[in-house]
Amino acid sequence: MQLLIYVLLYPFLWLISKLPFRLIYILSDIVYALVYNIFAYRKKVVIKNLELAFPDKSKSEHELIAKKFYKHLCDVIFESIKSISITEKELHKRFIIEDTSLFNELEKNNKSAILMLAHYGNWEWIFILQTIINHKGYGVYKRLKNKYFDRLVKSIRAKYNTQLITTKETINTLNKVNDKGELSLSGFISDQSPKKDKAFHWQKFMGIEVPVYTGAEMLAKKLDHAVVFCKISKLCRGHYSCSFQLITKQPKTVPDYQITDQFLELVEQQIYEEPAYYLWTHKRWKHRKQ
């Protein structure tokens, strides 16, 4: 059944990926109208999240952010499909890496790094970074249920020298890489909500105390990798910029959870600057303390 679904869907996805961006965004507008106005996909979740994160904003302000968010979400979905066939040159035009001097400095010091980022902007296009730095890229992800689409996603990333590894593979894979002395850059989307019974640390996020994911910090301490925050900004439709901020070069010297807390503060600043580009469909605050 998985193969049948893949065989039926992949040709359509490939054809969509070959369309020019102006047609891609026409399709995105059509899907937005369906998702927001007719199917109301997770609309209650989005509005509830916005009410929790922005209690001082009015109902109309929440709805305005939600509309802008859904338009952006549909764009990201179609931009991800476009990744199947987009050229490296085109992607560099649309996802601008502002400065790689931080990674050049880490390379001179033979220092590997953990890259922490949030579900913000178009996080899917960050893999283009691997074409302009020398650190070998590893992306930690959750394996797709359909193994054929899982292979497709891996093949897209592999074009740009990024290897996807599941959460279960992460420790063993990066331990081996570390033992070989290979310079690596491991990407973690670290704003998700861990299971309540597996939470090691609670912290306020957007003013609400929630369990937070600490895996990136724990691994950075174990491997002694530098920790870098990745900020993605949306410049206009289909165009993004990406900048980097060093959190620490020496994670073992930093008190426990301080790295995670600093990451969350940086994500909060990003959201407050433009809330519509955060992934509000996730139930980020489902385990909040009442």
C-alpha atoms as a PDB file:
ATOM      1  CA  MET A   1       0.000   0.000   0.000  1.00  0.00           C
ATOM      2  CA  GLN A   2       2.870   2.392   0.802  1.00  0.00           C
ATOM      3  CA  LEU A   3       4.376   1.808  -2.626  1.00  0.00           C
ATOM      4  CA  LEU A   4       1.001   2.315  -4.335  1.00  0.00           C
ATOM      5  CA  ILE A   5       0.465   5.640  -2.559  1.00  0.00           C
ATOM      6  CA  TYR A   6       3.964   6.735  -3.530  1.00  0.00           C
ATOM      7  CA  VAL A   7       3.559   5.697  -7.165  1.00  0.00           C
ATOM      8  CA  LEU A   8       0.256   7.559  -7.405  1.00  0.00           C
ATOM      9  CA  LEU A   9       1.361  10.746  -5.658  1.00  0.00           C
ATOM     10  CA  TYR A  10       4.975  11.214  -6.672  1.00  0.00           C
ATOM     11  CA  PRO A  11       4.306  12.100 -10.360  1.00  0.00           C
ATOM     12  CA  PHE A  12       1.964  14.900  -9.256  1.00  0.00           C
ATOM     13  CA  LEU A  13       4.481  16.195  -6.726  1.00  0.00           C
ATOM     14  CA  TRP A  14       7.232  16.115  -9.338  1.00  0.00           C
ATOM     15  CA  LEU A  15       5.074  17.979 -11.853  1.00  0.00           C
ATOM     16  CA  ILE A  16       4.211  20.619  -9.246  1.00  0.00           C
ATOM     17  CA  SER A  17       7.906  20.978  -8.408  1.00  0.00           C
ATOM     18  CA  LYS A  18       8.643  21.792 -12.067  1.00  0.00           C
ATOM     19  CA  LEU A  19       6.180  24.694 -12.138  1.00  0.00           C
ATOM     20  CA  PRO A  20       7.499  28.263 -11.954  1.00  0.00           C
ATOM     21  CA  PHE A  21       7.084  29.936  -8.572  1.00  0.00           C
ATOM     22  CA  ARG A  22       4.306  32.251  -9.762  1.00  0.00           C
ATOM     23  CA  LEU A  23       2.147  29.188 -10.510  1.00  0.00           C
ATOM     24  CA  ILE A  24       3.285  27.472  -7.315  1.00  0.00           C
ATOM     25  CA  TYR A  25       1.899  30.393  -5.322  1.00  0.00           C
ATOM     26  CA  ILE A  26      -1.394  30.403  -7.226  1.00  0.00           C
ATOM     27  CA  LEU A  27      -1.813  26.781  -6.111  1.00  0.00           C
ATOM     28  CA  SER A  28      -0.832  27.801  -2.593  1.00  0.00           C
ATOM     29  CA  ASP A  29      -3.553  30.484  -2.562  1.00  0.00           C
ATOM     30  CA  ILE A  30      -6.155  27.938  -3.663  1.00  0.00           C
ATOM     31  CA  VAL A  31      -5.093  25.460  -0.981  1.00  0.00           C
ATOM     32  CA  TYR A  32      -5.112  28.241   1.628  1.00  0.00           C
ATOM     33  CA  ALA A  33      -8.735  29.063   0.798  1.00  0.00           C
ATOM     34  CA  LEU A  34      -9.661  25.404   1.286  1.00  0.00           C
ATOM     35  CA  VAL A  35      -7.569  24.776   4.395  1.00  0.00           C
ATOM     36  CA  TYR A  36      -8.556  27.944   6.244  1.00  0.00           C
ATOM     37  CA  ASN A  37     -12.101  28.696   5.119  1.00  0.00           C
ATOM     38  CA  ILE A  38     -13.557  25.252   4.387  1.00  0.00           C
ATOM     39  CA  PHE A  39     -11.646  22.516   6.204  1.00  0.00           C
ATOM     40  CA  ALA A  40     -10.456  24.774   9.049  1.00  0.00           C
ATOM     41  CA  TYR A  41      -7.429  22.508   9.556  1.00  0.00           C
ATOM     42  CA  ARG A  42      -6.438  22.692  13.247  1.00  0.00           C
ATOM     43  CA  LYS A  43      -7.921  26.169  13.392  1.00  0.00           C
ATOM     44  CA  LYS A  44      -9.059  25.733  16.989  1.00  0.00           C
ATOM     45  CA  VAL A  45      -5.530  24.678  17.966  1.00  0.00           C
ATOM     46  CA  VAL A  46      -4.005  27.700  16.230  1.00  0.00           C
ATOM     47  CA  ILE A  47      -6.402  30.199  17.821  1.00  0.00           C
ATOM     48  CA  LYS A  48      -5.945  28.615  21.260  1.00  0.00           C
ATOM     49  CA  ASN A  49      -2.149  28.776  20.902  1.00  0.00           C
ATOM     50  CA  LEU A  50      -2.322  32.421  19.886  1.00  0.00           C
ATOM     51  CA  GLU A  51      -4.584  33.215  22.837  1.00  0.00           C
ATOM     52  CA  LEU A  52      -2.083  31.576  25.199  1.00  0.00           C
ATOM     53  CA  ALA A  53       0.977  33.215  23.654  1.00  0.00           C
ATOM     54  CA  PHE A  54      -0.588  36.657  23.180  1.00  0.00           C
ATOM     55  CA  PRO A  55      -3.183  37.123  25.939  1.00  0.00           C
ATOM     56  CA  ASP A  56      -3.083  40.919  25.502  1.00  0.00           C
ATOM     57  CA  LYS A  57      -4.119  40.803  21.866  1.00  0.00           C
ATOM     58  CA  SER A  58      -7.749  40.997  20.811  1.00  0.00           C
ATOM     59  CA  LYS A  59      -9.760  38.275  19.092  1.00  0.00           C
ATOM     60  CA  SER A  60      -9.521  40.124  15.787  1.00  0.00           C
ATOM     61  CA  GLU A  61      -5.732  40.372  16.144  1.00  0.00           C
ATOM     62  CA  HIS A  62      -5.518  36.628  16.803  1.00  0.00           C
ATOM     63  CA  GLU A  63      -7.587  35.942  13.701  1.00  0.00           C
ATOM     64  CA  LEU A  64      -5.422  38.261  11.607  1.00  0.00           C
ATOM     65  CA  ILE A  65      -2.252  36.447  12.692  1.00  0.00           C
ATOM     66  CA  ALA A  66      -3.951  33.099  12.037  1.00  0.00           C
ATOM     67  CA  LYS A  67      -4.885  34.063   8.471  1.00  0.00           C
ATOM     68  CA  LYS A  68      -1.370  35.238   7.727  1.00  0.00           C
ATOM     69  CA  PHE A  69       0.025  32.076   9.307  1.00  0.00           C
ATOM     70  CA  TYR A  70      -2.122  29.754   7.173  1.00  0.00           C
ATOM     71  CA  LYS A  71      -1.069  31.581   4.001  1.00  0.00           C
ATOM     72  CA  HIS A  72       2.554  31.164   5.033  1.00  0.00           C
ATOM     73  CA  LEU A  73       2.051  27.495   5.962  1.00  0.00           C
ATOM     74  CA  CYS A  74       0.629  26.707   2.523  1.00  0.00           C
ATOM     75  CA  ASP A  75       3.575  28.503   0.928  1.00  0.00           C
ATOM     76  CA  VAL A  76       6.038  26.410   2.958  1.00  0.00           C
ATOM     77  CA  ILE A  77       4.279  23.198   1.917  1.00  0.00           C
ATOM     78  CA  PHE A  78       4.557  24.078  -1.766  1.00  0.00           C
ATOM     79  CA  GLU A  79       8.105  25.382  -1.360  1.00  0.00           C
ATOM     80  CA  SER A  80       8.989  22.004   0.168  1.00  0.00           C
ATOM     81  CA  ILE A  81       7.500  20.256  -2.866  1.00  0.00           C
ATOM     82  CA  LYS A  82       9.495  22.602  -5.075  1.00  0.00           C
ATOM     83  CA  SER A  83      12.624  21.267  -3.332  1.00  0.00           C
ATOM     84  CA  ILE A  84      12.292  18.073  -5.379  1.00  0.00           C
ATOM     85  CA  SER A  85      13.597  19.779  -8.511  1.00  0.00           C
ATOM     86  CA  ILE A  86      14.766  23.275  -7.527  1.00  0.00           C
ATOM     87  CA  THR A  87      18.286  24.115  -8.672  1.00  0.00           C
ATOM     88  CA  GLU A  88      21.030  25.040  -6.246  1.00  0.00           C
ATOM     89  CA  LYS A  89      21.369  28.450  -7.941  1.00  0.00           C
ATOM     90  CA  GLU A  90      17.670  29.203  -7.539  1.00  0.00           C
ATOM     91  CA  LEU A  91      17.650  28.096  -3.925  1.00  0.00           C
ATOM     92  CA  HIS A  92      20.580  30.371  -3.082  1.00  0.00           C
ATOM     93  CA  LYS A  93      18.633  33.283  -4.555  1.00  0.00           C
ATOM     94  CA  ARG A  94      15.632  32.512  -2.374  1.00  0.00           C
ATOM     95  CA  PHE A  95      17.359  31.446   0.845  1.00  0.00           C
ATOM     96  CA  ILE A  96      20.169  33.878   1.567  1.00  0.00           C
ATOM     97  CA  ILE A  97      22.853  32.811   4.024  1.00  0.00           C
ATOM     98  CA  GLU A  98      23.998  36.124   5.461  1.00  0.00           C
ATOM     99  CA  ASP A  99      27.371  35.180   6.922  1.00  0.00           C
ATOM    100  CA  THR A 100      29.343  31.959   7.383  1.00  0.00           C
ATOM    101  CA  SER A 101      32.325  33.454   9.228  1.00  0.00           C
ATOM    102  CA  LEU A 102      31.236  31.726  12.449  1.00  0.00           C
ATOM    103  CA  PHE A 103      31.546  28.312  10.799  1.00  0.00           C
ATOM    104  CA  ASN A 104      34.856  29.296   9.222  1.00  0.00           C
ATOM    105  CA  GLU A 105      36.184  30.156  12.670  1.00  0.00           C
ATOM    106  CA  LEU A 106      34.905  26.882  14.127  1.00  0.00           C
ATOM    107  CA  GLU A 107      36.566  25.013  11.260  1.00  0.00           C
ATOM    108  CA  LYS A 108      39.917  26.689  11.971  1.00  0.00           C
ATOM    109  CA  ASN A 109      39.591  25.493  15.560  1.00  0.00           C
ATOM    110  CA  ASN A 110      38.569  21.994  14.402  1.00  0.00           C
ATOM    111  CA  LYS A 111      35.275  22.422  16.242  1.00  0.00           C
ATOM    112  CA  SER A 112      32.062  20.644  15.346  1.00  0.00           C
ATOM    113  CA  ALA A 113      28.721  22.262  16.155  1.00  0.00           C
ATOM    114  CA  ILE A 114      25.102  21.709  17.041  1.00  0.00           C
ATOM    115  CA  LEU A 115      22.708  23.959  15.106  1.00  0.00           C
ATOM    116  CA  MET A 116      19.505  24.759  17.006  1.00  0.00           C
ATOM    117  CA  LEU A 117      16.518  26.204  15.178  1.00  0.00           C
ATOM    118  CA  ALA A 118      12.760  26.474  15.454  1.00  0.00           C
ATOM    119  CA  HIS A 119       9.773  25.734  13.228  1.00  0.00           C
ATOM    120  CA  TYR A 120       9.935  29.246  11.857  1.00  0.00           C
ATOM    121  CA  GLY A 121      10.025  30.718   8.356  1.00  0.00           C
ATOM    122  CA  ASN A 122      10.986  27.982   5.917  1.00  0.00           C
ATOM    123  CA  TRP A 123      13.175  25.736   8.046  1.00  0.00           C
ATOM    124  CA  GLU A 124      13.082  23.111   5.265  1.00  0.00           C
ATOM    125  CA  TRP A 125      15.491  25.098   3.093  1.00  0.00           C
ATOM    126  CA  ILE A 126      18.269  25.372   5.677  1.00  0.00           C
ATOM    127  CA  PHE A 127      20.021  22.377   4.073  1.00  0.00           C
ATOM    128  CA  ILE A 128      21.415  24.703   1.366  1.00  0.00           C
ATOM    129  CA  LEU A 129      23.903  25.863   4.010  1.00  0.00           C
ATOM    130  CA  GLN A 130      25.892  22.691   3.354  1.00  0.00           C
ATOM    131  CA  THR A 131      26.917  23.950  -0.090  1.00  0.00           C
ATOM    132  CA  ILE A 132      28.988  26.814   1.351  1.00  0.00           C
ATOM    133  CA  ILE A 133      30.573  25.395   4.517  1.00  0.00           C
ATOM    134  CA  ASN A 134      32.902  22.452   5.050  1.00  0.00           C
ATOM    135  CA  HIS A 135      31.239  20.886   8.095  1.00  0.00           C
ATOM    136  CA  LYS A 136      29.446  17.654   7.174  1.00  0.00           C
ATOM    137  CA  GLY A 137      25.723  18.136   7.737  1.00  0.00           C
ATOM    138  CA  TYR A 138      23.482  15.861   9.780  1.00  0.00           C
ATOM    139  CA  GLY A 139      19.801  16.584  10.235  1.00  0.00           C
ATOM    140  CA  VAL A 140      17.904  14.957  13.083  1.00  0.00           C
ATOM    141  CA  TYR A 141      14.359  14.121  12.027  1.00  0.00           C
ATOM    142  CA  LYS A 142      11.388  11.873  12.680  1.00  0.00           C
ATOM    143  CA  ARG A 143      11.199   9.063  10.122  1.00  0.00           C
ATOM    144  CA  LEU A 144       8.156   9.232   7.818  1.00  0.00           C
ATOM    145  CA  LYS A 145       5.697   6.353   8.039  1.00  0.00           C
ATOM    146  CA  ASN A 146       5.832   5.828   4.283  1.00  0.00           C
ATOM    147  CA  LYS A 147       9.332   4.466   3.635  1.00  0.00           C
ATOM    148  CA  TYR A 148       9.286   5.547  -0.015  1.00  0.00           C
ATOM    149  CA  PHE A 149       8.558   9.191   0.815  1.00  0.00           C
ATOM    150  CA  ASP A 150      11.126   8.887   3.594  1.00  0.00           C
ATOM    151  CA  ARG A 151      13.722   7.904   0.986  1.00  0.00           C
ATOM    152  CA  LEU A 152      12.629  10.817  -1.189  1.00  0.00           C
ATOM    153  CA  VAL A 153      13.182  13.327   1.613  1.00  0.00           C
ATOM    154  CA  LYS A 154      16.594  11.810   2.350  1.00  0.00           C
ATOM    155  CA  SER A 155      17.594  11.965  -1.325  1.00  0.00           C
ATOM    156  CA  ILE A 156      16.665  15.659  -1.544  1.00  0.00           C
ATOM    157  CA  ARG A 157      18.867  16.473   1.454  1.00  0.00           C
ATOM    158  CA  ALA A 158      21.673  14.233   0.178  1.00  0.00           C
ATOM    159  CA  LYS A 159      21.985  16.401  -2.940  1.00  0.00           C
ATOM    160  CA  TYR A 160      23.340  19.114  -0.682  1.00  0.00           C
ATOM    161  CA  ASN A 161      25.635  16.941   1.475  1.00  0.00           C
ATOM    162  CA  THR A 162      23.212  16.557   4.385  1.00  0.00           C
ATOM    163  CA  GLN A 163      22.508  13.161   5.916  1.00  0.00           C
ATOM    164  CA  LEU A 164      19.232  12.709   7.767  1.00  0.00           C
ATOM    165  CA  ILE A 165      19.343  10.611  10.931  1.00  0.00           C
ATOM    166  CA  THR A 166      16.450   9.601  13.158  1.00  0.00           C
ATOM    167  CA  THR A 167      16.351  10.492  16.833  1.00  0.00           C
ATOM    168  CA  LYS A 168      17.162   6.870  17.692  1.00  0.00           C
ATOM    169  CA  GLU A 169      20.230   6.929  15.428  1.00  0.00           C
ATOM    170  CA  THR A 170      21.520  10.285  16.597  1.00  0.00           C
ATOM    171  CA  ILE A 171      23.762   9.355  19.530  1.00  0.00           C
ATOM    172  CA  ASN A 172      25.428   6.365  17.869  1.00  0.00           C
ATOM    173  CA  THR A 173      25.917   8.159  14.546  1.00  0.00           C
ATOM    174  CA  LEU A 174      27.408  11.329  16.010  1.00  0.00           C
ATOM    175  CA  ASN A 175      29.566   9.369  18.438  1.00  0.00           C
ATOM    176  CA  LYS A 176      31.137   7.540  15.476  1.00  0.00           C
ATOM    177  CA  VAL A 177      31.558  10.797  13.556  1.00  0.00           C
ATOM    178  CA  ASN A 178      33.162  12.391  16.598  1.00  0.00           C
ATOM    179  CA  ASP A 179      35.523   9.455  17.123  1.00  0.00           C
ATOM    180  CA  LYS A 180      36.693   9.765  13.499  1.00  0.00           C
ATOM    181  CA  GLY A 181      37.510  13.423  14.057  1.00  0.00           C
ATOM    182  CA  GLU A 182      35.107  14.499  11.308  1.00  0.00           C
ATOM    183  CA  LEU A 183      33.884  18.071  11.448  1.00  0.00           C
ATOM    184  CA  SER A 184      30.109  17.964  11.676  1.00  0.00           C
ATOM    185  CA  LEU A 185      27.159  20.316  11.911  1.00  0.00           C
ATOM    186  CA  SER A 186      24.086  18.620  13.370  1.00  0.00           C
ATOM    187  CA  GLY A 187      20.739  20.363  12.997  1.00  0.00           C
ATOM    188  CA  PHE A 188      18.092  20.087  15.700  1.00  0.00           C
ATOM    189  CA  ILE A 189      14.631  21.629  15.516  1.00  0.00           C
ATOM    190  CA  SER A 190      14.402  22.098  19.260  1.00  0.00           C
ATOM    191  CA  ASP A 191      11.141  23.908  19.917  1.00  0.00           C
ATOM    192  CA  GLN A 192       8.905  20.819  19.932  1.00  0.00           C
ATOM    193  CA  SER A 193       7.157  19.490  23.019  1.00  0.00           C
ATOM    194  CA  PRO A 194       8.636  16.342  24.612  1.00  0.00           C
ATOM    195  CA  LYS A 195       6.448  13.710  26.227  1.00  0.00           C
ATOM    196  CA  LYS A 196       5.483  14.847  29.696  1.00  0.00           C
ATOM    197  CA  ASP A 197       6.860  11.724  31.402  1.00  0.00           C
ATOM    198  CA  LYS A 198      10.212  12.167  29.639  1.00  0.00           C
ATOM    199  CA  ALA A 199      10.688  15.856  30.404  1.00  0.00           C
ATOM    200  CA  PHE A 200      13.905  16.737  32.238  1.00  0.00           C
ATOM    201  CA  HIS A 201      13.366  20.463  32.313  1.00  0.00           C
ATOM    202  CA  TRP A 202      10.469  22.917  32.458  1.00  0.00           C
ATOM    203  CA  GLN A 203      10.770  26.545  31.395  1.00  0.00           C
ATOM    204  CA  LYS A 204       8.557  29.448  30.395  1.00  0.00           C
ATOM    205  CA  PHE A 205       8.024  29.729  26.661  1.00  0.00           C
ATOM    206  CA  MET A 206       5.947  32.700  25.521  1.00  0.00           C
ATOM    207  CA  GLY A 207       5.132  33.246  29.188  1.00  0.00           C
ATOM    208  CA  ILE A 208       3.826  29.711  29.790  1.00  0.00           C
ATOM    209  CA  GLU A 209       5.691  27.038  31.743  1.00  0.00           C
ATOM    210  CA  VAL A 210       6.083  23.925  29.605  1.00  0.00           C
ATOM    211  CA  PRO A 211       8.378  20.899  29.341  1.00  0.00           C
ATOM    212  CA  VAL A 212      11.171  21.644  26.898  1.00  0.00           C
ATOM    213  CA  TYR A 213      13.338  19.528  24.638  1.00  0.00           C
ATOM    214  CA  THR A 214      16.896  19.270  25.993  1.00  0.00           C
ATOM    215  CA  GLY A 215      18.359  16.678  23.619  1.00  0.00           C
ATOM    216  CA  ALA A 216      20.473  19.137  21.609  1.00  0.00           C
ATOM    217  CA  GLU A 217      22.057  20.594  24.740  1.00  0.00           C
ATOM    218  CA  MET A 218      22.733  17.186  26.288  1.00  0.00           C
ATOM    219  CA  LEU A 219      24.397  15.965  23.087  1.00  0.00           C
ATOM    220  CA  ALA A 220      26.464  19.163  22.762  1.00  0.00           C
ATOM    221  CA  LYS A 221      27.779  18.630  26.293  1.00  0.00           C
ATOM    222  CA  LYS A 222      28.490  14.956  25.682  1.00  0.00           C
ATOM    223  CA  LEU A 223      30.398  15.572  22.429  1.00  0.00           C
ATOM    224  CA  ASP A 224      31.784  18.998  23.400  1.00  0.00           C
ATOM    225  CA  HIS A 225      30.334  20.618  20.269  1.00  0.00           C
ATOM    226  CA  ALA A 226      29.750  24.330  19.930  1.00  0.00           C
ATOM    227  CA  VAL A 227      26.112  25.427  19.917  1.00  0.00           C
ATOM    228  CA  VAL A 228      24.795  27.842  17.279  1.00  0.00           C
ATOM    229  CA  PHE A 229      21.353  29.400  16.956  1.00  0.00           C
ATOM    230  CA  CYS A 230      19.894  29.701  13.469  1.00  0.00           C
ATOM    231  CA  LYS A 231      17.494  32.578  12.827  1.00  0.00           C
ATOM    232  CA  ILE A 232      15.404  32.431   9.653  1.00  0.00           C
ATOM    233  CA  SER A 233      13.614  35.583   8.523  1.00  0.00           C
ATOM    234  CA  LYS A 234      11.003  35.890   5.802  1.00  0.00           C
ATOM    235  CA  LEU A 235      11.891  38.794   3.525  1.00  0.00           C
ATOM    236  CA  CYS A 236       8.907  38.473   1.201  1.00  0.00           C
ATOM    237  CA  ARG A 237       6.949  35.675  -0.399  1.00  0.00           C
ATOM    238  CA  GLY A 238       9.331  32.908  -1.391  1.00  0.00           C
ATOM    239  CA  HIS A 239      12.426  34.694  -0.096  1.00  0.00           C
ATOM    240  CA  TYR A 240      14.204  34.184   3.223  1.00  0.00           C
ATOM    241  CA  SER A 241      17.417  35.122   4.948  1.00  0.00           C
ATOM    242  CA  CYS A 242      19.326  33.127   7.511  1.00  0.00           C
ATOM    243  CA  SER A 243      21.717  34.347  10.206  1.00  0.00           C
ATOM    244  CA  PHE A 244      23.625  32.624  12.990  1.00  0.00           C
ATOM    245  CA  GLN A 245      24.407  33.438  16.593  1.00  0.00           C
ATOM    246  CA  LEU A 246      26.905  31.596  18.756  1.00  0.00           C
ATOM    247  CA  ILE A 247      25.402  30.390  22.016  1.00  0.00           C
ATOM    248  CA  THR A 248      28.596  28.768  23.311  1.00  0.00           C
ATOM    249  CA  LYS A 249      31.851  27.232  22.132  1.00  0.00           C
ATOM    250  CA  GLN A 250      32.376  25.380  25.394  1.00  0.00           C
ATOM    251  CA  PRO A 251      29.063  23.716  26.354  1.00  0.00           C
ATOM    252  CA  LYS A 252      30.575  21.671  29.188  1.00  0.00           C
ATOM    253  CA  THR A 253      31.322  24.876  31.086  1.00  0.00           C
ATOM    254  CA  VAL A 254      27.720  26.135  30.862  1.00  0.00           C
ATOM    255  CA  PRO A 255      25.283  25.289  33.704  1.00  0.00           C
ATOM    256  CA  ASP A 256      22.711  22.644  32.810  1.00  0.00           C
ATOM    257  CA  TYR A 257      19.700  23.897  30.833  1.00  0.00           C
ATOM    258  CA  GLN A 258      21.149  27.381  30.314  1.00  0.00           C
ATOM    259  CA  ILE A 259      21.790  26.612  26.629  1.00  0.00           C
ATOM    260  CA  THR A 260      18.209  25.413  26.166  1.00  0.00           C
ATOM    261  CA  ASP A 261      16.821  28.445  27.998  1.00  0.00           C
ATOM    262  CA  GLN A 262      18.864  30.838  25.863  1.00  0.00           C
ATOM    263  CA  PHE A 263      17.645  29.087  22.714  1.00  0.00           C
ATOM    264  CA  LEU A 264      14.031  29.512  23.835  1.00  0.00           C
ATOM    265  CA  GLU A 265      14.590  33.210  24.530  1.00  0.00           C
ATOM    266  CA  LEU A 266      15.957  33.683  21.002  1.00  0.00           C
ATOM    267  CA  VAL A 267      12.975  31.843  19.518  1.00  0.00           C
ATOM    268  CA  GLU A 268      10.620  34.051  21.536  1.00  0.00           C
ATOM    269  CA  GLN A 269      12.291  37.187  20.142  1.00  0.00           C
ATOM    270  CA  GLN A 270      11.847  35.785  16.649  1.00  0.00           C
ATOM    271  CA  ILE A 271       8.148  35.114  17.230  1.00  0.00           C
ATOM    272  CA  TYR A 272       7.476  38.525  18.773  1.00  0.00           C
ATOM    273  CA  GLU A 273       9.074  40.201  15.740  1.00  0.00           C
ATOM    274  CA  GLU A 274       6.642  38.453  13.364  1.00  0.00           C
ATOM    275  CA  PRO A 275       4.330  35.850  14.941  1.00  0.00           C
ATOM    276  CA  ALA A 276       2.680  34.682  11.705  1.00  0.00           C
ATOM    277  CA  TYR A 277       5.725  32.707  10.547  1.00  0.00           C
ATOM    278  CA  TYR A 278       5.843  30.333  13.525  1.00  0.00           C
ATOM    279  CA  LEU A 279       4.263  26.862  13.287  1.00  0.00           C
ATOM    280  CA  TRP A 280       1.102  27.430  15.334  1.00  0.00           C
ATOM    281  CA  THR A 281      -0.562  24.140  14.322  1.00  0.00           C
ATOM    282  CA  HIS A 282       1.668  22.219  16.759  1.00  0.00           C
ATOM    283  CA  LYS A 283       0.200  21.603  20.206  1.00  0.00           C
ATOM    284  CA  ARG A 284       3.230  23.226  21.793  1.00  0.00           C
ATOM    285  CA  TRP A 285       1.511  24.092  25.050  1.00  0.00           C
ATOM    286  CA  LYS A 286      -0.506  20.883  25.575  1.00  0.00           C
ATOM    287  CA  HIS A 287       1.487  19.936  28.702  1.00  0.00           C
ATOM    288  CA  ARG A 288       1.576  23.424  30.208  1.00  0.00           C
ATOM    289  CA  LYS A 289       1.358  23.918  33.948  1.00  0.00           C
ATOM    290  CA  GLN A 290      -2.011  25.320  34.857  1.00  0.00           C
END
